[in-house]
Amino acid sequence: RKRAAWEARMQRRARAEGKPDDHYTSAGLAPPTEAEVAGLQALPADELPAAWAKQYGRHCRERYVTGRCPWEFDKRGCGFLHPEDSREGRVEEHEGGSAEAEGGMWCFGCGGAPGSG
């Protein structure tokens, strides 16, 4: 329910600003390429978070940049998209129930990634 309310709010905001309805909901959805990640890694450490958020805000920066997600072992999982979860609209079944994903989400029931069990 929170997601639907957020999307509706962002659509209203986009309409009010004269932008396409999906302007805010599709921002940062496309995954970065290896070359783009390498380019961002070359930035100074204090500039990387802002640059990443501007271009790839829905993707787990640490997973792409360092190869490890800081929430990897958290039972709630990571709220960001990971490289292996980048297919849009994927639905996977596993222990915690089904997790419908916008490009892949972790299951908040079992903490596993889609396809993990």
N, C-alpha and C. Protein backbone atom coordinates (compact mmCIF):
# COMPACT_ATOMS: atom_id res chain seq x y z
N ARG A 1 0.81 -1.20 0.00
CA ARG A 1 0.00 0.00 0.00
C ARG A 1 0.85 1.26 0.00
N LYS A 2 1.94 1.24 0.72
CA LYS A 2 2.79 2.43 0.76
C LYS A 2 3.34 2.75 -0.62
N ARG A 3 3.74 1.72 -1.33
CA ARG A 3 4.31 1.93 -2.67
C ARG A 3 3.27 2.56 -3.60
N ALA A 4 2.03 2.04 -3.58
CA ALA A 4 0.98 2.57 -4.44
C ALA A 4 0.68 4.03 -4.10
N ALA A 5 0.66 4.34 -2.82
CA ALA A 5 0.41 5.73 -2.40
C ALA A 5 1.56 6.64 -2.85
N TRP A 6 2.78 6.15 -2.73
CA TRP A 6 3.94 6.93 -3.15
C TRP A 6 3.89 7.18 -4.65
N GLU A 7 3.58 6.12 -5.44
CA GLU A 7 3.51 6.27 -6.89
C GLU A 7 2.43 7.27 -7.28
N ALA A 8 1.26 7.20 -6.63
CA ALA A 8 0.17 8.13 -6.93
C ALA A 8 0.60 9.56 -6.61
N ARG A 9 1.28 9.75 -5.50
CA ARG A 9 1.76 11.08 -5.11
C ARG A 9 2.78 11.61 -6.11
N MET A 10 3.68 10.75 -6.56
CA MET A 10 4.70 11.17 -7.52
C MET A 10 4.08 11.46 -8.89
N GLN A 11 3.03 10.73 -9.27
CA GLN A 11 2.34 11.02 -10.52
C GLN A 11 1.64 12.37 -10.46
N ARG A 12 1.00 12.67 -9.34
CA ARG A 12 0.36 13.98 -9.17
C ARG A 12 1.40 15.09 -9.23
N ARG A 13 2.53 14.87 -8.59
CA ARG A 13 3.60 15.86 -8.59
C ARG A 13 4.10 16.10 -10.01
N ALA A 14 4.33 15.02 -10.76
CA ALA A 14 4.81 15.14 -12.13
C ALA A 14 3.80 15.90 -12.99
N ARG A 15 2.53 15.57 -12.86
CA ARG A 15 1.49 16.27 -13.63
C ARG A 15 1.48 17.75 -13.29
N ALA A 16 1.58 18.07 -12.01
CA ALA A 16 1.56 19.47 -11.57
C ALA A 16 2.75 20.24 -12.15
N GLU A 17 3.86 19.54 -12.36
CA GLU A 17 5.06 20.18 -12.91
C GLU A 17 5.13 20.08 -14.43
N GLY A 18 4.10 19.48 -15.04
CA GLY A 18 4.06 19.36 -16.50
C GLY A 18 5.00 18.31 -17.05
N LYS A 19 5.35 17.32 -16.25
CA LYS A 19 6.25 16.26 -16.68
C LYS A 19 5.44 14.99 -16.95
N PRO A 20 6.03 14.00 -17.64
CA PRO A 20 5.32 12.72 -17.85
C PRO A 20 4.99 12.06 -16.51
N ASP A 21 3.89 11.32 -16.47
CA ASP A 21 3.45 10.68 -15.23
C ASP A 21 4.52 9.84 -14.56
N ASP A 22 5.36 9.16 -15.35
CA ASP A 22 6.36 8.27 -14.77
C ASP A 22 7.71 8.95 -14.54
N HIS A 23 7.75 10.27 -14.61
CA HIS A 23 9.02 11.00 -14.46
C HIS A 23 9.73 10.64 -13.16
N TYR A 24 9.04 10.63 -12.05
CA TYR A 24 9.67 10.34 -10.76
C TYR A 24 9.72 8.85 -10.46
N THR A 25 8.76 8.08 -10.93
CA THR A 25 8.73 6.65 -10.61
C THR A 25 9.71 5.84 -11.45
N SER A 26 10.15 6.37 -12.57
CA SER A 26 11.10 5.62 -13.40
C SER A 26 12.53 6.13 -13.22
N ALA A 27 12.71 7.19 -12.47
CA ALA A 27 14.05 7.74 -12.27
C ALA A 27 14.95 6.74 -11.54
N GLY A 28 16.13 6.54 -12.06
CA GLY A 28 17.11 5.66 -11.43
C GLY A 28 16.81 4.18 -11.59
N LEU A 29 15.88 3.82 -12.45
CA LEU A 29 15.50 2.42 -12.59
C LEU A 29 16.45 1.63 -13.48
N ALA A 30 17.02 2.27 -14.49
CA ALA A 30 17.94 1.57 -15.39
C ALA A 30 19.24 1.25 -14.65
N PRO A 31 19.70 0.00 -14.73
CA PRO A 31 20.94 -0.37 -14.03
C PRO A 31 22.17 0.22 -14.72
N PRO A 32 23.22 0.51 -13.96
CA PRO A 32 24.44 1.02 -14.57
C PRO A 32 25.23 -0.09 -15.26
N THR A 33 25.98 0.29 -16.27
CA THR A 33 26.87 -0.67 -16.93
C THR A 33 28.17 -0.73 -16.15
N GLU A 34 29.00 -1.72 -16.46
CA GLU A 34 30.29 -1.83 -15.79
C GLU A 34 31.15 -0.59 -16.03
N ALA A 35 31.08 -0.04 -17.24
CA ALA A 35 31.87 1.15 -17.55
C ALA A 35 31.38 2.35 -16.74
N GLU A 36 30.06 2.47 -16.58
CA GLU A 36 29.51 3.57 -15.79
C GLU A 36 29.90 3.44 -14.32
N VAL A 37 29.88 2.21 -13.80
CA VAL A 37 30.30 1.99 -12.42
C VAL A 37 31.76 2.36 -12.25
N ALA A 38 32.59 1.96 -13.21
CA ALA A 38 34.02 2.29 -13.14
C ALA A 38 34.22 3.80 -13.16
N GLY A 39 33.46 4.50 -13.99
CA GLY A 39 33.56 5.95 -14.04
C GLY A 39 33.16 6.60 -12.73
N LEU A 40 32.12 6.08 -12.10
CA LEU A 40 31.68 6.62 -10.82
C LEU A 40 32.68 6.29 -9.71
N GLN A 41 33.31 5.13 -9.78
CA GLN A 41 34.31 4.75 -8.78
C GLN A 41 35.50 5.69 -8.81
N ALA A 42 35.75 6.31 -9.95
CA ALA A 42 36.89 7.22 -10.09
C ALA A 42 36.62 8.57 -9.40
N LEU A 43 35.37 8.84 -9.05
CA LEU A 43 35.03 10.09 -8.37
C LEU A 43 35.58 10.10 -6.95
N PRO A 44 35.82 11.28 -6.39
CA PRO A 44 36.22 11.36 -4.98
C PRO A 44 35.12 10.76 -4.09
N ALA A 45 35.52 10.18 -2.99
CA ALA A 45 34.59 9.48 -2.10
C ALA A 45 33.43 10.35 -1.64
N ASP A 46 33.67 11.63 -1.46
CA ASP A 46 32.59 12.50 -0.99
C ASP A 46 31.59 12.87 -2.08
N GLU A 47 31.95 12.70 -3.36
CA GLU A 47 31.05 12.99 -4.47
C GLU A 47 30.27 11.78 -4.95
N LEU A 48 30.77 10.58 -4.66
CA LEU A 48 30.15 9.36 -5.17
C LEU A 48 28.70 9.18 -4.73
N PRO A 49 28.34 9.33 -3.44
CA PRO A 49 26.94 9.11 -3.05
C PRO A 49 25.94 9.99 -3.80
N ALA A 50 26.24 11.26 -3.95
CA ALA A 50 25.32 12.17 -4.64
C ALA A 50 25.21 11.83 -6.13
N ALA A 51 26.34 11.53 -6.76
CA ALA A 51 26.33 11.18 -8.18
C ALA A 51 25.58 9.88 -8.40
N TRP A 52 25.79 8.91 -7.52
CA TRP A 52 25.09 7.63 -7.64
C TRP A 52 23.58 7.83 -7.47
N ALA A 53 23.19 8.54 -6.46
CA ALA A 53 21.76 8.76 -6.18
C ALA A 53 21.08 9.47 -7.34
N LYS A 54 21.77 10.38 -7.97
CA LYS A 54 21.19 11.14 -9.08
C LYS A 54 20.90 10.25 -10.28
N GLN A 55 21.80 9.31 -10.58
CA GLN A 55 21.66 8.48 -11.77
C GLN A 55 21.06 7.11 -11.51
N TYR A 56 21.40 6.49 -10.38
CA TYR A 56 21.02 5.09 -10.14
C TYR A 56 20.43 4.91 -8.74
N GLY A 57 19.60 5.83 -8.33
CA GLY A 57 19.09 5.87 -6.97
C GLY A 57 18.38 4.63 -6.46
N ARG A 58 17.88 3.81 -7.35
CA ARG A 58 17.18 2.60 -6.91
C ARG A 58 18.08 1.38 -6.80
N HIS A 59 19.32 1.54 -7.18
CA HIS A 59 20.26 0.42 -7.17
C HIS A 59 21.21 0.51 -5.98
N CYS A 60 21.56 -0.65 -5.43
CA CYS A 60 22.43 -0.74 -4.25
C CYS A 60 23.85 -0.34 -4.64
N ARG A 61 24.26 0.86 -4.22
CA ARG A 61 25.57 1.39 -4.58
C ARG A 61 26.68 0.46 -4.12
N GLU A 62 26.61 0.02 -2.90
CA GLU A 62 27.68 -0.82 -2.35
C GLU A 62 27.80 -2.15 -3.10
N ARG A 63 26.68 -2.72 -3.51
CA ARG A 63 26.71 -4.00 -4.23
C ARG A 63 27.42 -3.84 -5.58
N TYR A 64 27.15 -2.73 -6.26
CA TYR A 64 27.79 -2.50 -7.55
C TYR A 64 29.25 -2.07 -7.40
N VAL A 65 29.52 -1.20 -6.43
CA VAL A 65 30.86 -0.61 -6.30
C VAL A 65 31.83 -1.55 -5.59
N THR A 66 31.42 -2.15 -4.48
CA THR A 66 32.33 -3.01 -3.71
C THR A 66 32.07 -4.50 -3.90
N GLY A 67 30.91 -4.83 -4.45
CA GLY A 67 30.56 -6.23 -4.63
C GLY A 67 29.86 -6.86 -3.44
N ARG A 68 29.68 -6.09 -2.36
CA ARG A 68 29.00 -6.59 -1.16
C ARG A 68 27.93 -5.62 -0.73
N CYS A 69 26.79 -6.15 -0.39
CA CYS A 69 25.69 -5.33 0.10
C CYS A 69 25.77 -5.25 1.62
N PRO A 70 25.69 -4.05 2.21
CA PRO A 70 25.76 -3.95 3.67
C PRO A 70 24.58 -4.63 4.37
N TRP A 71 23.50 -4.86 3.65
CA TRP A 71 22.33 -5.51 4.24
C TRP A 71 22.20 -6.97 3.80
N GLU A 72 23.29 -7.52 3.31
CA GLU A 72 23.30 -8.87 2.76
C GLU A 72 22.77 -9.91 3.75
N PHE A 73 23.10 -9.77 5.01
CA PHE A 73 22.68 -10.77 5.99
C PHE A 73 21.56 -10.28 6.91
N ASP A 74 21.01 -9.12 6.61
CA ASP A 74 19.88 -8.58 7.38
C ASP A 74 18.64 -9.38 7.00
N LYS A 75 17.88 -9.82 7.98
CA LYS A 75 16.71 -10.66 7.69
C LYS A 75 15.66 -9.93 6.87
N ARG A 76 15.69 -8.60 6.90
CA ARG A 76 14.72 -7.82 6.12
C ARG A 76 15.17 -7.63 4.69
N GLY A 77 16.42 -7.91 4.39
CA GLY A 77 16.93 -7.76 3.05
C GLY A 77 17.29 -6.32 2.72
N CYS A 78 17.62 -6.10 1.48
CA CYS A 78 18.03 -4.78 1.01
C CYS A 78 16.88 -4.16 0.21
N GLY A 79 16.62 -2.90 0.42
CA GLY A 79 15.55 -2.22 -0.29
C GLY A 79 15.95 -1.72 -1.66
N PHE A 80 17.22 -1.91 -2.03
CA PHE A 80 17.69 -1.45 -3.32
C PHE A 80 17.82 -2.61 -4.29
N LEU A 81 17.89 -2.29 -5.57
CA LEU A 81 18.05 -3.32 -6.60
C LEU A 81 19.51 -3.73 -6.69
N HIS A 82 19.72 -5.01 -6.97
CA HIS A 82 21.07 -5.56 -7.13
C HIS A 82 21.28 -5.98 -8.57
N PRO A 83 22.53 -6.12 -9.01
CA PRO A 83 22.79 -6.48 -10.41
C PRO A 83 22.05 -7.73 -10.86
N GLU A 84 21.97 -8.72 -10.02
CA GLU A 84 21.32 -9.97 -10.41
C GLU A 84 19.80 -9.87 -10.37
N ASP A 85 19.27 -8.77 -9.87
CA ASP A 85 17.82 -8.59 -9.74
C ASP A 85 17.30 -7.51 -10.67
N SER A 86 17.94 -7.30 -11.79
CA SER A 86 17.62 -6.13 -12.60
C SER A 86 16.52 -6.33 -13.64
N ARG A 87 15.92 -7.52 -13.71
CA ARG A 87 14.82 -7.71 -14.66
C ARG A 87 13.54 -7.13 -14.07
N GLU A 88 12.91 -6.24 -14.80
CA GLU A 88 11.72 -5.55 -14.31
C GLU A 88 10.51 -6.47 -14.27
N GLY A 89 9.69 -6.32 -13.23
CA GLY A 89 8.43 -7.02 -13.12
C GLY A 89 8.55 -8.49 -12.80
N ARG A 90 9.65 -8.92 -12.24
CA ARG A 90 9.87 -10.33 -11.94
C ARG A 90 9.14 -10.72 -10.66
N VAL A 91 8.53 -11.88 -10.65
CA VAL A 91 7.87 -12.39 -9.46
C VAL A 91 8.48 -13.74 -9.14
N GLU A 92 8.95 -13.90 -7.95
CA GLU A 92 9.57 -15.16 -7.54
C GLU A 92 8.85 -15.70 -6.31
N GLU A 93 8.77 -17.00 -6.21
CA GLU A 93 8.20 -17.64 -5.03
C GLU A 93 9.33 -18.22 -4.20
N HIS A 94 9.26 -18.01 -2.90
CA HIS A 94 10.21 -18.64 -1.99
C HIS A 94 9.64 -18.62 -0.59
N GLU A 95 10.39 -19.05 0.40
CA GLU A 95 9.91 -19.28 1.76
C GLU A 95 8.99 -18.20 2.32
N GLY A 96 9.36 -16.96 2.16
CA GLY A 96 8.62 -15.87 2.77
C GLY A 96 7.36 -15.49 2.01
N GLY A 97 7.02 -16.21 0.95
CA GLY A 97 5.88 -15.87 0.12
C GLY A 97 6.38 -15.37 -1.21
N SER A 98 5.49 -14.76 -1.98
CA SER A 98 5.94 -14.27 -3.27
C SER A 98 6.38 -12.83 -3.12
N ALA A 99 7.40 -12.48 -3.84
CA ALA A 99 7.90 -11.11 -3.81
C ALA A 99 7.80 -10.54 -5.20
N GLU A 100 6.84 -9.65 -5.42
CA GLU A 100 6.74 -9.02 -6.72
C GLU A 100 7.78 -7.93 -6.76
N ALA A 101 8.49 -7.88 -7.85
CA ALA A 101 9.63 -6.99 -7.87
C ALA A 101 9.58 -6.01 -9.02
N GLU A 102 10.03 -4.81 -8.75
CA GLU A 102 10.30 -3.83 -9.78
C GLU A 102 11.77 -3.97 -10.05
N GLY A 103 12.09 -4.83 -10.94
CA GLY A 103 13.50 -5.05 -11.19
C GLY A 103 14.11 -5.97 -10.16
N GLY A 104 13.31 -6.57 -9.29
CA GLY A 104 13.80 -7.50 -8.31
C GLY A 104 13.88 -6.88 -6.94
N MET A 105 13.29 -7.50 -5.97
CA MET A 105 13.35 -7.04 -4.59
C MET A 105 13.66 -8.25 -3.73
N TRP A 106 14.13 -8.01 -2.56
CA TRP A 106 14.39 -9.08 -1.63
C TRP A 106 13.11 -9.37 -0.88
N CYS A 107 12.95 -10.60 -0.48
CA CYS A 107 11.76 -10.98 0.27
C CYS A 107 11.91 -10.52 1.71
N PHE A 108 10.94 -9.78 2.19
CA PHE A 108 11.02 -9.31 3.56
C PHE A 108 10.51 -10.37 4.54
N GLY A 109 9.95 -11.46 4.00
CA GLY A 109 9.52 -12.56 4.85
C GLY A 109 10.68 -13.44 5.29
N CYS A 110 11.50 -13.84 4.32
CA CYS A 110 12.61 -14.74 4.66
C CYS A 110 13.96 -14.06 4.53
N GLY A 111 14.01 -12.87 3.93
CA GLY A 111 15.26 -12.16 3.79
C GLY A 111 16.08 -12.62 2.60
N GLY A 112 15.55 -13.53 1.80
CA GLY A 112 16.30 -14.03 0.66
C GLY A 112 16.05 -13.25 -0.61
N ALA A 113 16.94 -13.41 -1.52
CA ALA A 113 16.80 -12.78 -2.83
C ALA A 113 15.84 -13.61 -3.66
N PRO A 114 15.16 -13.02 -4.63
CA PRO A 114 14.33 -13.81 -5.52
C PRO A 114 15.13 -14.96 -6.10
N GLY A 115 14.54 -16.13 -6.11
CA GLY A 115 15.19 -17.31 -6.61
C GLY A 115 16.09 -18.01 -5.62
N SER A 116 16.11 -17.52 -4.35
CA SER A 116 17.03 -18.10 -3.38
C SER A 116 16.44 -19.26 -2.60
N GLY A 117 15.19 -19.58 -2.85
CA GLY A 117 14.68 -20.72 -2.09
C GLY A 117 13.29 -20.91 -2.18
